[in-house]
Amino acid sequence: MAVVDGGNTSKKEANMEATNLVEKVLERVDAMDVEGFLSFLADDARLRFGNGPAIAGKEQIGQAIGEFLGSIKALRHKILHIWSDPQGVVCQGEVSYTRTDGAAVCIPFVNVWVVQAGLIKEYLIYIDLAPLYA
């Protein structure tokens, strides 16, 4: 994919590979598989979730994601659009959460990833989680 190989593939191939990466990553998130999710991140990755502070390093990211997933019963992502270029991937969608009380909440999101050497180096999640905890 263009975000991985420095632009040596066609735009169509790059878009297909970006779509594949997004689907695989979000599949692991939806399965609440923290270790599987972390396998897509660089060791020195940075993650920012909503308006929270940036989290640096796979171990710290894994701890934070594990705590977040522990605060909900389930989640499911619906991908609406994916864009990619040689520096990264942008994904727009909706995520349906099931709260621990059984109530369902659907919230729009945008993920922005910087990808280097096939791994996500920077993972930015633009979402308003207020409805989830209302």
Protein backbone atom coordinates (compact mmCIF):
# COMPACT_ATOMS: atom_id res chain seq x y z
CA MET A 1 0.00 0.00 0.00
CA ALA A 2 1.20 3.50 -0.60
CA VAL A 3 1.27 4.19 3.12
CA VAL A 4 3.62 1.25 3.57
CA ASP A 5 5.93 1.06 0.54
CA GLY A 6 6.65 4.71 -0.15
CA GLY A 7 4.32 5.01 -3.13
CA ASN A 8 5.50 2.11 -5.30
CA THR A 9 2.02 0.72 -5.88
CA SER A 10 -0.87 2.03 -7.88
CA LYS A 11 -3.49 4.21 -6.23
CA LYS A 12 -6.09 1.43 -6.60
CA GLU A 13 -3.79 -1.11 -4.92
CA ALA A 14 -2.98 1.39 -2.17
CA ASN A 15 -6.66 2.02 -1.50
CA MET A 16 -7.38 -1.72 -1.37
CA GLU A 17 -4.52 -2.25 1.07
CA ALA A 18 -5.64 0.70 3.21
CA THR A 19 -9.17 -0.73 3.30
CA ASN A 20 -7.77 -4.11 4.29
CA LEU A 21 -5.70 -2.57 7.10
CA VAL A 22 -8.66 -0.59 8.45
CA GLU A 23 -10.91 -3.65 8.37
CA LYS A 24 -8.33 -5.82 10.17
CA VAL A 25 -7.57 -3.26 12.88
CA LEU A 26 -11.23 -2.48 13.59
CA GLU A 27 -12.06 -6.20 13.57
CA ARG A 28 -9.60 -6.68 16.46
CA VAL A 29 -11.06 -3.67 18.28
CA ASP A 30 -14.61 -4.98 17.81
CA ALA A 31 -13.47 -8.35 19.17
CA MET A 32 -12.10 -6.44 22.19
CA ASP A 33 -8.75 -8.13 21.46
CA VAL A 34 -6.17 -5.73 22.91
CA GLU A 35 -3.15 -7.86 21.96
CA GLY A 36 -4.45 -8.29 18.41
CA PHE A 37 -4.99 -4.54 18.15
CA LEU A 38 -1.49 -3.82 19.46
CA SER A 39 0.03 -6.07 16.77
CA PHE A 40 -0.79 -3.33 14.23
CA LEU A 41 1.09 -0.62 16.16
CA ALA A 42 4.74 0.38 16.07
CA ASP A 43 6.57 -0.06 19.38
CA ASP A 44 6.86 3.72 19.74
CA ALA A 45 3.29 4.44 18.59
CA ARG A 46 1.29 7.35 19.92
CA LEU A 47 -2.49 7.27 20.38
CA ARG A 48 -4.87 10.09 21.18
CA PHE A 49 -8.49 9.18 21.96
CA GLY A 50 -10.95 12.06 21.64
CA ASN A 51 -9.76 15.10 23.52
CA GLY A 52 -7.69 13.03 25.94
CA PRO A 53 -3.94 13.31 26.28
CA ALA A 54 -1.65 11.48 23.86
CA ILE A 55 -0.48 8.06 25.05
CA ALA A 56 2.99 6.92 23.98
CA GLY A 57 4.22 3.33 23.64
CA LYS A 58 2.47 0.03 23.00
CA GLU A 59 2.39 -1.02 26.66
CA GLN A 60 0.74 2.22 27.79
CA ILE A 61 -1.66 2.17 24.82
CA GLY A 62 -2.61 -1.41 25.62
CA GLN A 63 -3.34 -0.51 29.23
CA ALA A 64 -5.49 2.49 28.22
CA ILE A 65 -7.42 0.57 25.57
CA GLY A 66 -7.95 -2.32 27.98
CA GLU A 67 -9.38 0.06 30.59
CA PHE A 68 -11.68 1.66 28.00
CA LEU A 69 -12.92 -1.70 26.73
CA GLY A 70 -13.52 -2.75 30.33
CA SER A 71 -15.95 0.17 30.70
CA ILE A 72 -18.29 -1.11 27.94
CA LYS A 73 -20.01 -4.39 27.10
CA ALA A 74 -19.41 -4.43 23.32
CA LEU A 75 -18.73 -2.29 20.25
CA ARG A 76 -19.08 -2.57 16.49
CA HIS A 77 -17.57 -0.26 13.85
CA LYS A 78 -19.29 0.60 10.57
CA ILE A 79 -16.86 2.00 7.99
CA LEU A 80 -18.34 4.73 5.78
CA HIS A 81 -15.28 6.10 3.95
CA ILE A 82 -11.54 5.41 3.74
CA TRP A 83 -8.90 7.68 2.24
CA SER A 84 -5.19 6.96 1.95
CA ASP A 85 -2.02 8.60 0.70
CA PRO A 86 1.69 7.81 1.05
CA GLN A 87 1.74 9.10 4.63
CA GLY A 88 -1.33 7.48 6.13
CA VAL A 89 -4.97 6.50 6.27
CA VAL A 90 -8.17 8.31 7.27
CA CYS A 91 -11.31 6.35 8.14
CA GLN A 92 -14.76 7.83 8.76
CA GLY A 93 -17.52 5.78 10.29
CA GLU A 94 -19.94 5.07 13.08
CA VAL A 95 -19.31 2.97 16.14
CA SER A 96 -22.16 1.30 18.01
CA TYR A 97 -21.44 0.76 21.67
CA THR A 98 -23.31 -1.45 24.09
CA ARG A 99 -22.96 -0.02 27.56
CA THR A 100 -22.65 -2.21 30.63
CA ASP A 101 -26.31 -1.45 31.43
CA GLY A 102 -27.31 -2.87 28.02
CA ALA A 103 -28.18 0.49 26.42
CA ALA A 104 -26.93 1.04 22.87
CA VAL A 105 -25.30 4.25 21.63
CA CYS A 106 -24.11 5.01 18.06
CA ILE A 107 -21.46 7.72 17.65
CA PRO A 108 -19.70 9.06 14.53
CA PHE A 109 -15.89 8.91 14.44
CA VAL A 110 -12.87 9.66 12.28
CA ASN A 111 -9.55 7.84 12.69
CA VAL A 112 -6.34 9.31 11.30
CA TRP A 113 -3.31 7.03 11.11
CA VAL A 114 0.30 7.69 10.21
CA VAL A 115 1.69 4.38 8.91
CA GLN A 116 5.40 3.55 8.64
CA ALA A 117 6.95 0.22 7.71
CA GLY A 118 3.52 -1.40 7.74
CA LEU A 119 2.70 -0.37 11.32
CA ILE A 120 0.60 2.43 12.75
CA LYS A 121 2.95 5.04 14.21
CA GLU A 122 0.30 7.58 15.18
CA TYR A 123 -3.36 6.77 15.85
CA LEU A 124 -5.72 9.71 16.30
CA ILE A 125 -9.37 9.02 17.16
CA TYR A 126 -11.75 11.93 16.68
CA ILE A 127 -14.94 11.13 18.60
CA ASP A 128 -17.19 12.62 21.25
CA LEU A 129 -17.69 9.95 23.90
CA ALA A 130 -20.04 12.05 26.05
CA PRO A 131 -23.16 10.20 24.80
CA LEU A 132 -21.59 6.87 25.81
CA TYR A 133 -21.36 7.88 29.45
CA ALA A 134 -24.49 10.08 29.64
